[in-house]
Amino acid sequence: MSVSATGTRTWVHEIRARLASPPPVRLPAERPGRPSAVLVPMFVNAGELWLILTKRAETLNNHSGQIAFPGGAKDPGEDSWQAALRESHEEIGMPPDRVLELGRLDEIYAEVSDYRIVPCVGAVPFPFEPEPNENEIEDVFSVPVLAFAEVKVIEDRVIEWRGRERQIRIYHVGGHAVWGLTARIIQNLLVRLGIEPPTEAAPPAPPAR
């Protein structure tokens, strides 16, 4: 797939098809964790696909200071899409009625926070003026999808965590280090879009602090 988009219908329909088949992976029902969701917001600018990301506030208990997609735990009665929209509105002021659902990515488990996370991909308006919740979000910024495919920004680092060697993916983009859960979601998205070949499932990322 080319991530340059010449029209909304073209890129929306192609991404929907790629996210739908094969179906995204879901964790076993018996796997622990609080059901959660994030929004993976995408928009087109100058014929190119972009992602919206946030930097979480340093004062938060979990994943403080990390680069993340807007999201959080589901409320009773919510599905993943509804939770992703609500959290995105609360965190960055994204209007729920202006987000077009494109599909889902593989569910992942956040061991440090005990969350089961379903990434929900959505087409969002451009331009968008974020209204970050200062209690949760320090910054909101956008990065072209193709930036994450540049070899020079990718670092696969081997670390020791809980007595075992593990490899983690880090994207160095726009002055930020994107790693952990967010890097795993982006890598899954790149695979789905045909930008990066499939890889073995990545192990859980260690806590930042």
N, C-alpha and C. Protein backbone atom coordinates (compact mmCIF):
# COMPACT_ATOMS: atom_id res chain seq x y z
N MET A 1 0.84 -1.21 0.00
CA MET A 1 0.00 0.00 0.00
C MET A 1 0.87 1.25 0.00
N SER A 2 0.50 2.23 -0.78
CA SER A 2 1.13 3.54 -0.70
C SER A 2 0.40 4.35 0.36
N VAL A 3 1.15 4.98 1.25
CA VAL A 3 0.50 5.77 2.28
C VAL A 3 0.30 7.21 1.84
N SER A 4 0.56 7.50 0.58
CA SER A 4 0.15 8.78 0.04
C SER A 4 -1.30 8.64 -0.39
N ALA A 5 -2.13 9.60 -0.02
CA ALA A 5 -3.56 9.48 -0.28
C ALA A 5 -4.00 10.59 -1.23
N THR A 6 -4.71 10.19 -2.29
CA THR A 6 -5.19 11.17 -3.26
C THR A 6 -6.64 11.53 -3.00
N GLY A 7 -7.32 10.79 -2.15
CA GLY A 7 -8.70 11.08 -1.85
C GLY A 7 -9.15 10.32 -0.62
N THR A 8 -10.13 10.89 0.12
CA THR A 8 -10.58 10.26 1.36
C THR A 8 -11.11 8.86 1.10
N ARG A 9 -11.95 8.72 0.07
CA ARG A 9 -12.54 7.42 -0.22
C ARG A 9 -11.46 6.37 -0.46
N THR A 10 -10.41 6.74 -1.20
CA THR A 10 -9.35 5.79 -1.53
C THR A 10 -8.65 5.27 -0.29
N TRP A 11 -8.13 6.17 0.54
CA TRP A 11 -7.33 5.69 1.66
C TRP A 11 -8.20 5.10 2.76
N VAL A 12 -9.37 5.64 3.00
CA VAL A 12 -10.25 5.09 4.03
C VAL A 12 -10.65 3.67 3.69
N HIS A 13 -11.05 3.42 2.45
CA HIS A 13 -11.49 2.08 2.07
C HIS A 13 -10.33 1.09 2.07
N GLU A 14 -9.16 1.52 1.64
CA GLU A 14 -8.03 0.60 1.60
C GLU A 14 -7.57 0.22 3.01
N ILE A 15 -7.51 1.20 3.91
CA ILE A 15 -7.09 0.90 5.27
C ILE A 15 -8.12 0.01 5.96
N ARG A 16 -9.39 0.29 5.75
CA ARG A 16 -10.42 -0.57 6.33
C ARG A 16 -10.25 -2.02 5.88
N ALA A 17 -9.97 -2.22 4.60
CA ALA A 17 -9.80 -3.57 4.08
C ALA A 17 -8.58 -4.25 4.70
N ARG A 18 -7.51 -3.51 4.85
CA ARG A 18 -6.29 -4.09 5.40
C ARG A 18 -6.43 -4.42 6.89
N LEU A 19 -7.20 -3.63 7.61
CA LEU A 19 -7.38 -3.90 9.03
C LEU A 19 -8.38 -5.03 9.29
N ALA A 20 -9.23 -5.29 8.31
CA ALA A 20 -10.27 -6.31 8.50
C ALA A 20 -9.80 -7.72 8.17
N SER A 21 -8.81 -7.87 7.31
CA SER A 21 -8.41 -9.21 6.87
C SER A 21 -6.89 -9.31 6.80
N PRO A 22 -6.31 -10.26 7.59
CA PRO A 22 -6.99 -11.16 8.52
C PRO A 22 -7.47 -10.39 9.75
N PRO A 23 -8.43 -10.98 10.49
CA PRO A 23 -8.96 -10.28 11.68
C PRO A 23 -7.85 -10.01 12.69
N PRO A 24 -7.96 -8.91 13.43
CA PRO A 24 -6.96 -8.63 14.46
C PRO A 24 -6.95 -9.69 15.55
N VAL A 25 -5.78 -9.89 16.13
CA VAL A 25 -5.61 -10.90 17.18
C VAL A 25 -6.21 -10.40 18.48
N ARG A 26 -6.90 -11.28 19.18
CA ARG A 26 -7.45 -10.96 20.50
C ARG A 26 -6.81 -11.86 21.54
N LEU A 27 -6.55 -11.33 22.73
CA LEU A 27 -5.97 -12.11 23.81
C LEU A 27 -6.96 -13.15 24.30
N PRO A 28 -6.47 -14.27 24.86
CA PRO A 28 -7.39 -15.28 25.41
C PRO A 28 -8.30 -14.67 26.47
N ALA A 29 -9.53 -15.15 26.52
CA ALA A 29 -10.51 -14.61 27.46
C ALA A 29 -10.05 -14.73 28.90
N GLU A 30 -9.28 -15.77 29.19
CA GLU A 30 -8.85 -16.00 30.57
C GLU A 30 -7.65 -15.12 30.96
N ARG A 31 -7.09 -14.39 30.01
CA ARG A 31 -5.95 -13.53 30.30
C ARG A 31 -6.39 -12.40 31.23
N PRO A 32 -5.63 -12.11 32.29
CA PRO A 32 -6.02 -11.03 33.21
C PRO A 32 -5.85 -9.67 32.56
N GLY A 33 -6.37 -8.67 33.22
CA GLY A 33 -6.19 -7.30 32.74
C GLY A 33 -7.50 -6.57 32.63
N ARG A 34 -7.45 -5.26 32.88
CA ARG A 34 -8.64 -4.43 32.79
C ARG A 34 -8.89 -4.04 31.34
N PRO A 35 -10.09 -4.29 30.80
CA PRO A 35 -10.38 -3.95 29.40
C PRO A 35 -10.20 -2.46 29.14
N SER A 36 -9.43 -2.14 28.11
CA SER A 36 -9.10 -0.76 27.80
C SER A 36 -9.01 -0.59 26.29
N ALA A 37 -8.92 0.66 25.86
CA ALA A 37 -8.82 0.95 24.43
C ALA A 37 -8.08 2.26 24.23
N VAL A 38 -7.42 2.38 23.08
CA VAL A 38 -6.80 3.63 22.67
C VAL A 38 -7.29 3.96 21.26
N LEU A 39 -7.28 5.25 20.94
CA LEU A 39 -7.57 5.68 19.58
C LEU A 39 -6.24 5.91 18.86
N VAL A 40 -6.13 5.33 17.67
CA VAL A 40 -4.98 5.57 16.79
C VAL A 40 -5.46 6.54 15.72
N PRO A 41 -5.31 7.86 15.95
CA PRO A 41 -5.90 8.86 15.06
C PRO A 41 -5.04 9.10 13.83
N MET A 42 -5.66 9.03 12.65
CA MET A 42 -4.95 9.24 11.39
C MET A 42 -5.66 10.34 10.59
N PHE A 43 -4.84 11.13 9.89
CA PHE A 43 -5.42 12.13 9.00
C PHE A 43 -4.52 12.28 7.78
N VAL A 44 -5.04 12.95 6.75
CA VAL A 44 -4.28 13.19 5.53
C VAL A 44 -3.94 14.67 5.44
N ASN A 45 -2.67 14.95 5.15
CA ASN A 45 -2.22 16.32 4.91
C ASN A 45 -1.23 16.27 3.76
N ALA A 46 -1.47 17.08 2.74
CA ALA A 46 -0.61 17.15 1.56
C ALA A 46 -0.42 15.77 0.93
N GLY A 47 -1.50 14.98 0.92
CA GLY A 47 -1.46 13.68 0.28
C GLY A 47 -0.72 12.61 1.05
N GLU A 48 -0.43 12.86 2.32
CA GLU A 48 0.32 11.90 3.13
C GLU A 48 -0.43 11.60 4.42
N LEU A 49 -0.34 10.34 4.87
CA LEU A 49 -0.99 9.92 6.11
C LEU A 49 -0.14 10.31 7.32
N TRP A 50 -0.82 10.80 8.37
CA TRP A 50 -0.16 11.21 9.60
C TRP A 50 -0.83 10.53 10.80
N LEU A 51 -0.08 10.42 11.90
CA LEU A 51 -0.60 9.94 13.17
C LEU A 51 -0.55 11.06 14.20
N ILE A 52 -1.56 11.10 15.07
CA ILE A 52 -1.55 12.03 16.21
C ILE A 52 -1.12 11.26 17.45
N LEU A 53 -0.15 11.80 18.18
CA LEU A 53 0.37 11.19 19.40
C LEU A 53 0.34 12.20 20.54
N THR A 54 0.43 11.70 21.75
CA THR A 54 0.48 12.57 22.92
C THR A 54 1.71 12.23 23.76
N LYS A 55 2.11 13.20 24.56
CA LYS A 55 3.10 12.93 25.62
C LYS A 55 2.36 13.01 26.93
N ARG A 56 2.39 11.91 27.69
CA ARG A 56 1.67 11.86 28.95
C ARG A 56 2.36 12.69 30.02
N ALA A 57 1.56 13.25 30.91
CA ALA A 57 2.10 14.09 31.98
C ALA A 57 3.02 13.29 32.90
N GLU A 58 4.02 13.97 33.41
CA GLU A 58 4.99 13.32 34.31
C GLU A 58 4.36 12.95 35.64
N THR A 59 3.23 13.53 35.98
CA THR A 59 2.60 13.30 37.28
C THR A 59 1.72 12.05 37.32
N LEU A 60 1.50 11.40 36.18
CA LEU A 60 0.63 10.24 36.14
C LEU A 60 1.29 9.04 36.79
N ASN A 61 0.48 8.14 37.34
CA ASN A 61 1.01 6.95 38.02
C ASN A 61 1.57 5.93 37.04
N ASN A 62 0.89 5.74 35.91
CA ASN A 62 1.31 4.73 34.93
C ASN A 62 1.77 5.38 33.63
N HIS A 63 2.91 4.88 33.11
CA HIS A 63 3.44 5.33 31.82
C HIS A 63 3.64 6.85 31.79
N SER A 64 4.06 7.41 32.91
CA SER A 64 4.25 8.86 32.99
C SER A 64 5.36 9.31 32.05
N GLY A 65 5.12 10.43 31.36
CA GLY A 65 6.12 11.01 30.47
C GLY A 65 6.32 10.28 29.16
N GLN A 66 5.61 9.20 28.95
CA GLN A 66 5.80 8.42 27.73
C GLN A 66 4.95 8.96 26.59
N ILE A 67 5.35 8.63 25.36
CA ILE A 67 4.57 8.95 24.18
C ILE A 67 3.49 7.88 24.04
N ALA A 68 2.25 8.33 23.80
CA ALA A 68 1.13 7.39 23.81
C ALA A 68 0.03 7.87 22.87
N PHE A 69 -0.87 6.96 22.56
CA PHE A 69 -2.12 7.32 21.91
C PHE A 69 -3.15 7.63 23.00
N PRO A 70 -4.10 8.52 22.72
CA PRO A 70 -5.12 8.80 23.74
C PRO A 70 -5.97 7.57 24.02
N GLY A 71 -6.27 7.32 25.29
CA GLY A 71 -7.08 6.16 25.63
C GLY A 71 -7.06 5.87 27.10
N GLY A 72 -7.75 4.78 27.48
CA GLY A 72 -7.82 4.39 28.88
C GLY A 72 -8.79 3.24 29.07
N ALA A 73 -9.14 2.99 30.32
CA ALA A 73 -9.99 1.86 30.66
C ALA A 73 -11.43 2.09 30.19
N LYS A 74 -12.10 1.00 29.86
CA LYS A 74 -13.51 1.07 29.47
C LYS A 74 -14.38 1.34 30.70
N ASP A 75 -15.43 2.11 30.50
CA ASP A 75 -16.48 2.25 31.50
C ASP A 75 -17.49 1.12 31.33
N PRO A 76 -18.26 0.80 32.37
CA PRO A 76 -19.27 -0.26 32.25
C PRO A 76 -20.21 -0.01 31.07
N GLY A 77 -20.42 -1.04 30.27
CA GLY A 77 -21.34 -0.95 29.14
C GLY A 77 -20.72 -0.42 27.86
N GLU A 78 -19.47 0.03 27.90
CA GLU A 78 -18.81 0.55 26.70
C GLU A 78 -18.16 -0.57 25.90
N ASP A 79 -18.12 -0.40 24.57
CA ASP A 79 -17.26 -1.25 23.77
C ASP A 79 -15.94 -0.50 23.54
N SER A 80 -15.01 -1.13 22.85
CA SER A 80 -13.68 -0.54 22.69
C SER A 80 -13.74 0.79 21.95
N TRP A 81 -14.53 0.87 20.89
CA TRP A 81 -14.62 2.09 20.10
C TRP A 81 -15.18 3.24 20.93
N GLN A 82 -16.23 2.98 21.68
CA GLN A 82 -16.82 4.02 22.51
C GLN A 82 -15.84 4.52 23.56
N ALA A 83 -15.09 3.59 24.16
CA ALA A 83 -14.10 3.98 25.17
C ALA A 83 -12.99 4.82 24.56
N ALA A 84 -12.52 4.43 23.38
CA ALA A 84 -11.45 5.17 22.70
C ALA A 84 -11.90 6.59 22.37
N LEU A 85 -13.13 6.74 21.90
CA LEU A 85 -13.65 8.07 21.57
C LEU A 85 -13.81 8.93 22.82
N ARG A 86 -14.36 8.35 23.88
CA ARG A 86 -14.56 9.11 25.12
C ARG A 86 -13.23 9.59 25.68
N GLU A 87 -12.27 8.67 25.76
CA GLU A 87 -10.98 9.03 26.32
C GLU A 87 -10.27 10.08 25.46
N SER A 88 -10.39 9.98 24.15
CA SER A 88 -9.75 10.95 23.25
C SER A 88 -10.37 12.33 23.41
N HIS A 89 -11.67 12.36 23.64
CA HIS A 89 -12.33 13.64 23.88
C HIS A 89 -11.88 14.23 25.20
N GLU A 90 -11.77 13.39 26.24
CA GLU A 90 -11.35 13.86 27.56
C GLU A 90 -9.89 14.31 27.58
N GLU A 91 -9.04 13.62 26.82
CA GLU A 91 -7.60 13.89 26.89
C GLU A 91 -7.15 15.01 25.95
N ILE A 92 -7.67 15.02 24.71
CA ILE A 92 -7.16 15.99 23.74
C ILE A 92 -8.27 16.81 23.07
N GLY A 93 -9.52 16.63 23.49
CA GLY A 93 -10.61 17.41 22.93
C GLY A 93 -11.06 16.98 21.55
N MET A 94 -10.80 15.72 21.18
CA MET A 94 -11.21 15.22 19.88
C MET A 94 -12.74 15.03 19.86
N PRO A 95 -13.47 15.69 18.94
CA PRO A 95 -14.93 15.52 18.89
C PRO A 95 -15.30 14.10 18.44
N PRO A 96 -16.01 13.32 19.25
CA PRO A 96 -16.32 11.94 18.89
C PRO A 96 -17.09 11.82 17.58
N ASP A 97 -17.96 12.78 17.29
CA ASP A 97 -18.78 12.68 16.09
C ASP A 97 -18.03 13.02 14.81
N ARG A 98 -16.76 13.38 14.93
CA ARG A 98 -15.95 13.69 13.75
C ARG A 98 -14.88 12.65 13.48
N VAL A 99 -14.94 11.53 14.19
CA VAL A 99 -13.97 10.45 14.00
C VAL A 99 -14.64 9.32 13.24
N LEU A 100 -14.03 8.90 12.14
CA LEU A 100 -14.56 7.84 11.29
C LEU A 100 -13.85 6.54 11.62
N GLU A 101 -14.58 5.52 12.00
CA GLU A 101 -13.99 4.24 12.38
C GLU A 101 -13.39 3.54 11.17
N LEU A 102 -12.12 3.11 11.30
CA LEU A 102 -11.45 2.39 10.23
C LEU A 102 -11.23 0.92 10.55
N GLY A 103 -11.04 0.58 11.83
CA GLY A 103 -10.82 -0.82 12.20
C GLY A 103 -10.02 -0.93 13.49
N ARG A 104 -9.60 -2.14 13.78
CA ARG A 104 -8.87 -2.41 15.03
C ARG A 104 -7.52 -3.05 14.70
N LEU A 105 -6.60 -2.95 15.65
CA LEU A 105 -5.32 -3.64 15.59
C LEU A 105 -5.30 -4.73 16.64
N ASP A 106 -4.20 -5.49 16.71
CA ASP A 106 -4.09 -6.59 17.66
C ASP A 106 -4.20 -6.09 19.09
N GLU A 107 -4.94 -6.82 19.91
CA GLU A 107 -5.03 -6.50 21.33
C GLU A 107 -3.70 -6.80 22.00
N ILE A 108 -3.28 -5.93 22.93
CA ILE A 108 -2.01 -6.13 23.62
C ILE A 108 -2.22 -6.01 25.13
N TYR A 109 -1.29 -6.58 25.88
CA TYR A 109 -1.38 -6.55 27.34
C TYR A 109 -0.29 -5.65 27.91
N ALA A 110 -0.69 -4.69 28.75
CA ALA A 110 0.25 -3.81 29.43
C ALA A 110 0.47 -4.35 30.83
N GLU A 111 1.59 -5.02 31.01
CA GLU A 111 1.84 -5.70 32.28
C GLU A 111 2.00 -4.73 33.44
N VAL A 112 2.66 -3.59 33.21
CA VAL A 112 2.92 -2.66 34.31
C VAL A 112 1.64 -2.05 34.86
N SER A 113 0.63 -1.83 33.99
CA SER A 113 -0.63 -1.23 34.43
C SER A 113 -1.78 -2.23 34.46
N ASP A 114 -1.52 -3.48 34.03
CA ASP A 114 -2.53 -4.54 34.01
C ASP A 114 -3.74 -4.16 33.16
N TYR A 115 -3.47 -3.65 31.95
CA TYR A 115 -4.53 -3.30 31.00
C TYR A 115 -4.47 -4.24 29.80
N ARG A 116 -5.66 -4.66 29.34
CA ARG A 116 -5.81 -5.31 28.04
C ARG A 116 -6.28 -4.22 27.08
N ILE A 117 -5.47 -3.91 26.08
CA ILE A 117 -5.72 -2.73 25.25
C ILE A 117 -6.07 -3.11 23.82
N VAL A 118 -7.21 -2.60 23.34
CA VAL A 118 -7.60 -2.75 21.94
C VAL A 118 -7.35 -1.42 21.24
N PRO A 119 -6.39 -1.38 20.29
CA PRO A 119 -6.16 -0.14 19.54
C PRO A 119 -7.22 0.01 18.44
N CYS A 120 -7.92 1.15 18.46
CA CYS A 120 -8.98 1.45 17.49
C CYS A 120 -8.47 2.53 16.55
N VAL A 121 -8.43 2.22 15.27
CA VAL A 121 -7.90 3.16 14.28
C VAL A 121 -9.04 4.01 13.73
N GLY A 122 -8.84 5.33 13.70
CA GLY A 122 -9.88 6.22 13.23
C GLY A 122 -9.34 7.34 12.36
N ALA A 123 -10.11 7.73 11.34
CA ALA A 123 -9.79 8.89 10.53
C ALA A 123 -10.34 10.13 11.23
N VAL A 124 -9.49 11.13 11.42
CA VAL A 124 -9.88 12.32 12.18
C VAL A 124 -9.76 13.56 11.29
N PRO A 125 -10.42 14.66 11.67
CA PRO A 125 -10.42 15.85 10.83
C PRO A 125 -9.06 16.53 10.78
N PHE A 126 -8.81 17.19 9.66
CA PHE A 126 -7.61 18.02 9.52
C PHE A 126 -8.03 19.34 8.89
N PRO A 127 -7.59 20.47 9.45
CA PRO A 127 -6.75 20.57 10.64
C PRO A 127 -7.55 20.33 11.92
N PHE A 128 -6.84 19.91 12.96
CA PHE A 128 -7.44 19.67 14.27
C PHE A 128 -6.65 20.44 15.31
N GLU A 129 -7.35 21.27 16.08
CA GLU A 129 -6.70 22.02 17.15
C GLU A 129 -6.94 21.30 18.48
N PRO A 130 -5.94 20.61 19.01
CA PRO A 130 -6.14 19.86 20.25
C PRO A 130 -6.37 20.76 21.45
N GLU A 131 -7.12 20.23 22.39
CA GLU A 131 -7.34 20.90 23.67
C GLU A 131 -6.92 19.92 24.77
N PRO A 132 -5.60 19.81 25.00
CA PRO A 132 -5.10 18.80 25.94
C PRO A 132 -5.54 19.04 27.37
N ASN A 133 -5.90 17.97 28.04
CA ASN A 133 -6.20 18.00 29.47
C ASN A 133 -4.87 18.07 30.21
N GLU A 134 -4.56 19.20 30.81
CA GLU A 134 -3.25 19.42 31.41
C GLU A 134 -2.96 18.48 32.57
N ASN A 135 -3.98 17.86 33.14
CA ASN A 135 -3.76 16.90 34.21
C ASN A 135 -3.24 15.57 33.69
N GLU A 136 -3.43 15.31 32.40
CA GLU A 136 -3.03 14.03 31.82
C GLU A 136 -2.04 14.15 30.67
N ILE A 137 -2.14 15.24 29.91
CA ILE A 137 -1.38 15.34 28.66
C ILE A 137 -0.48 16.57 28.68
N GLU A 138 0.80 16.34 28.41
CA GLU A 138 1.77 17.43 28.37
C GLU A 138 1.88 18.04 26.98
N ASP A 139 1.71 17.20 25.94
CA ASP A 139 1.88 17.69 24.57
C ASP A 139 1.08 16.81 23.61
N VAL A 140 0.67 17.40 22.48
CA VAL A 140 0.02 16.68 21.39
C VAL A 140 0.75 17.05 20.11
N PHE A 141 1.14 16.06 19.32
CA PHE A 141 1.91 16.34 18.10
C PHE A 141 1.58 15.29 17.04
N SER A 142 1.98 15.56 15.81
CA SER A 142 1.68 14.67 14.69
C SER A 142 2.97 14.25 13.99
N VAL A 143 2.96 13.03 13.46
CA VAL A 143 4.13 12.47 12.77
C VAL A 143 3.64 11.75 11.50
N PRO A 144 4.31 11.94 10.36
CA PRO A 144 3.93 11.18 9.17
C PRO A 144 4.12 9.69 9.39
N VAL A 145 3.19 8.88 8.92
CA VAL A 145 3.29 7.43 9.10
C VAL A 145 4.61 6.90 8.53
N LEU A 146 5.01 7.40 7.36
CA LEU A 146 6.23 6.90 6.73
C LEU A 146 7.49 7.23 7.52
N ALA A 147 7.42 8.19 8.44
CA ALA A 147 8.59 8.51 9.25
C ALA A 147 9.02 7.32 10.09
N PHE A 148 8.04 6.50 10.50
CA PHE A 148 8.35 5.34 11.34
C PHE A 148 8.98 4.19 10.55
N ALA A 149 8.98 4.31 9.21
CA ALA A 149 9.58 3.27 8.38
C ALA A 149 11.02 3.59 8.00
N GLU A 150 11.49 4.78 8.37
CA GLU A 150 12.86 5.16 8.06
C GLU A 150 13.84 4.38 8.94
N VAL A 151 14.77 3.71 8.31
CA VAL A 151 15.72 2.87 9.04
C VAL A 151 16.48 3.66 10.09
N LYS A 152 16.81 4.91 9.79
CA LYS A 152 17.64 5.70 10.70
C LYS A 152 16.92 6.09 11.99
N VAL A 153 15.58 5.97 12.04
CA VAL A 153 14.86 6.33 13.26
C VAL A 153 14.56 5.11 14.13
N ILE A 154 14.85 3.92 13.63
CA ILE A 154 14.47 2.69 14.33
C ILE A 154 15.64 2.15 15.13
N GLU A 155 15.38 1.85 16.40
CA GLU A 155 16.38 1.21 17.26
C GLU A 155 15.75 -0.02 17.88
N ASP A 156 16.36 -1.17 17.65
CA ASP A 156 15.95 -2.40 18.31
C ASP A 156 16.98 -2.69 19.39
N ARG A 157 16.60 -2.42 20.62
CA ARG A 157 17.54 -2.49 21.74
C ARG A 157 17.31 -3.75 22.57
N VAL A 158 18.39 -4.43 22.91
CA VAL A 158 18.31 -5.60 23.78
C VAL A 158 18.55 -5.14 25.21
N ILE A 159 17.62 -5.45 26.10
CA ILE A 159 17.73 -5.05 27.49
C ILE A 159 17.52 -6.28 28.37
N GLU A 160 17.90 -6.14 29.63
CA GLU A 160 17.62 -7.21 30.60
C GLU A 160 16.46 -6.76 31.48
N TRP A 161 15.44 -7.59 31.53
CA TRP A 161 14.25 -7.27 32.33
C TRP A 161 13.77 -8.54 33.01
N ARG A 162 13.70 -8.47 34.34
CA ARG A 162 13.28 -9.60 35.15
C ARG A 162 14.10 -10.86 34.86
N GLY A 163 15.41 -10.63 34.74
CA GLY A 163 16.34 -11.74 34.60
C GLY A 163 16.43 -12.33 33.21
N ARG A 164 15.77 -11.72 32.23
CA ARG A 164 15.82 -12.24 30.86
C ARG A 164 16.17 -11.13 29.89
N GLU A 165 16.86 -11.50 28.80
CA GLU A 165 17.14 -10.54 27.76
C GLU A 165 15.91 -10.38 26.86
N ARG A 166 15.56 -9.14 26.58
CA ARG A 166 14.41 -8.86 25.72
C ARG A 166 14.78 -7.78 24.73
N GLN A 167 14.16 -7.85 23.57
CA GLN A 167 14.38 -6.84 22.55
C GLN A 167 13.17 -5.92 22.47
N ILE A 168 13.42 -4.62 22.51
CA ILE A 168 12.34 -3.66 22.40
C ILE A 168 12.58 -2.76 21.19
N ARG A 169 11.50 -2.30 20.60
CA ARG A 169 11.56 -1.39 19.45
C ARG A 169 11.41 0.05 19.96
N ILE A 170 12.27 0.93 19.47
CA ILE A 170 12.21 2.35 19.79
C ILE A 170 12.24 3.13 18.48
N TYR A 171 11.28 4.04 18.31
CA TYR A 171 11.27 4.95 17.17
C TYR A 171 11.71 6.34 17.65
N HIS A 172 12.76 6.88 17.05
CA HIS A 172 13.25 8.21 17.40
C HIS A 172 12.73 9.19 16.34
N VAL A 173 11.61 9.84 16.64
CA VAL A 173 10.98 10.75 15.67
C VAL A 173 10.62 12.08 16.33
N GLY A 174 10.86 13.15 15.60
CA GLY A 174 10.45 14.48 16.07
C GLY A 174 10.98 14.85 17.44
N GLY A 175 12.15 14.38 17.78
CA GLY A 175 12.72 14.68 19.08
C GLY A 175 12.16 13.84 20.21
N HIS A 176 11.36 12.82 19.88
CA HIS A 176 10.77 11.95 20.88
C HIS A 176 11.25 10.51 20.70
N ALA A 177 11.32 9.77 21.80
CA ALA A 177 11.58 8.33 21.76
C ALA A 177 10.26 7.62 21.99
N VAL A 178 9.77 6.94 20.97
CA VAL A 178 8.49 6.24 21.05
C VAL A 178 8.78 4.77 21.25
N TRP A 179 8.38 4.22 22.38
CA TRP A 179 8.70 2.82 22.69
C TRP A 179 7.55 2.19 23.46
N GLY A 180 7.79 0.99 23.98
CA GLY A 180 6.80 0.31 24.80
C GLY A 180 5.54 -0.01 24.03
N LEU A 181 4.39 0.18 24.68
CA LEU A 181 3.10 -0.17 24.08
C LEU A 181 2.85 0.59 22.78
N THR A 182 3.20 1.87 22.77
CA THR A 182 2.94 2.69 21.59
C THR A 182 3.75 2.21 20.40
N ALA A 183 5.02 1.86 20.63
CA ALA A 183 5.85 1.34 19.54
C ALA A 183 5.29 0.02 19.01
N ARG A 184 4.78 -0.82 19.90
CA ARG A 184 4.20 -2.09 19.46
C ARG A 184 2.96 -1.86 18.61
N ILE A 185 2.14 -0.89 19.00
CA ILE A 185 0.94 -0.58 18.23
C ILE A 185 1.32 -0.03 16.85
N ILE A 186 2.29 0.87 16.80
CA ILE A 186 2.72 1.45 15.53
C ILE A 186 3.32 0.37 14.63
N GLN A 187 4.13 -0.52 15.20
CA GLN A 187 4.72 -1.59 14.40
C GLN A 187 3.63 -2.49 13.82
N ASN A 188 2.61 -2.80 14.60
CA ASN A 188 1.48 -3.59 14.13
C ASN A 188 0.76 -2.86 12.99
N LEU A 189 0.58 -1.54 13.14
CA LEU A 189 -0.06 -0.75 12.09
C LEU A 189 0.76 -0.78 10.80
N LEU A 190 2.07 -0.63 10.91
CA LEU A 190 2.92 -0.65 9.72
C LEU A 190 2.85 -1.99 9.01
N VAL A 191 2.79 -3.07 9.77
CA VAL A 191 2.64 -4.40 9.17
C VAL A 191 1.32 -4.49 8.42
N ARG A 192 0.25 -4.01 9.05
CA ARG A 192 -1.08 -4.06 8.44
C ARG A 192 -1.14 -3.24 7.15
N LEU A 193 -0.43 -2.13 7.12
CA LEU A 193 -0.44 -1.27 5.95
C LEU A 193 0.53 -1.74 4.87
N GLY A 194 1.28 -2.81 5.16
CA GLY A 194 2.22 -3.33 4.18
C GLY A 194 3.51 -2.55 4.09
N ILE A 195 3.77 -1.71 5.09
CA ILE A 195 4.98 -0.90 5.10
C ILE A 195 6.14 -1.66 5.72
N GLU A 196 5.84 -2.56 6.65
CA GLU A 196 6.85 -3.34 7.35
C GLU A 196 6.43 -4.80 7.33
N PRO A 197 7.36 -5.73 7.08
CA PRO A 197 6.99 -7.15 7.06
C PRO A 197 6.61 -7.65 8.44
N PRO A 198 5.78 -8.71 8.52
CA PRO A 198 5.41 -9.27 9.82
C PRO A 198 6.63 -9.73 10.59
N THR A 199 6.58 -9.59 11.92
CA THR A 199 7.64 -10.06 12.80
C THR A 199 7.03 -10.91 13.89
N GLU A 200 7.88 -11.59 14.64
CA GLU A 200 7.39 -12.35 15.78
C GLU A 200 6.83 -11.40 16.80
N ALA A 201 5.83 -11.87 17.56
CA ALA A 201 5.19 -11.04 18.56
C ALA A 201 6.22 -10.51 19.54
N ALA A 202 6.18 -9.22 19.81
CA ALA A 202 7.13 -8.60 20.73
C ALA A 202 6.75 -8.90 22.17
N PRO A 203 7.74 -9.09 23.07
CA PRO A 203 7.43 -9.32 24.48
C PRO A 203 6.95 -8.04 25.11
N PRO A 204 6.33 -8.15 26.30
CA PRO A 204 5.88 -6.94 27.00
C PRO A 204 7.05 -6.01 27.27
N ALA A 205 6.84 -4.72 27.11
CA ALA A 205 7.89 -3.75 27.40
C ALA A 205 7.99 -3.52 28.89
N PRO A 206 9.19 -3.30 29.41
CA PRO A 206 9.35 -3.05 30.84
C PRO A 206 8.85 -1.67 31.20
N PRO A 207 8.53 -1.46 32.48
CA PRO A 207 8.08 -0.13 32.91
C PRO A 207 9.19 0.90 32.72
N ALA A 208 8.78 2.14 32.49
CA ALA A 208 9.75 3.20 32.23
C ALA A 208 10.42 3.64 33.52
N ARG A 209 9.74 3.40 34.65
CA ARG A 209 10.30 3.89 35.92
C ARG A 209 10.20 2.81 36.97
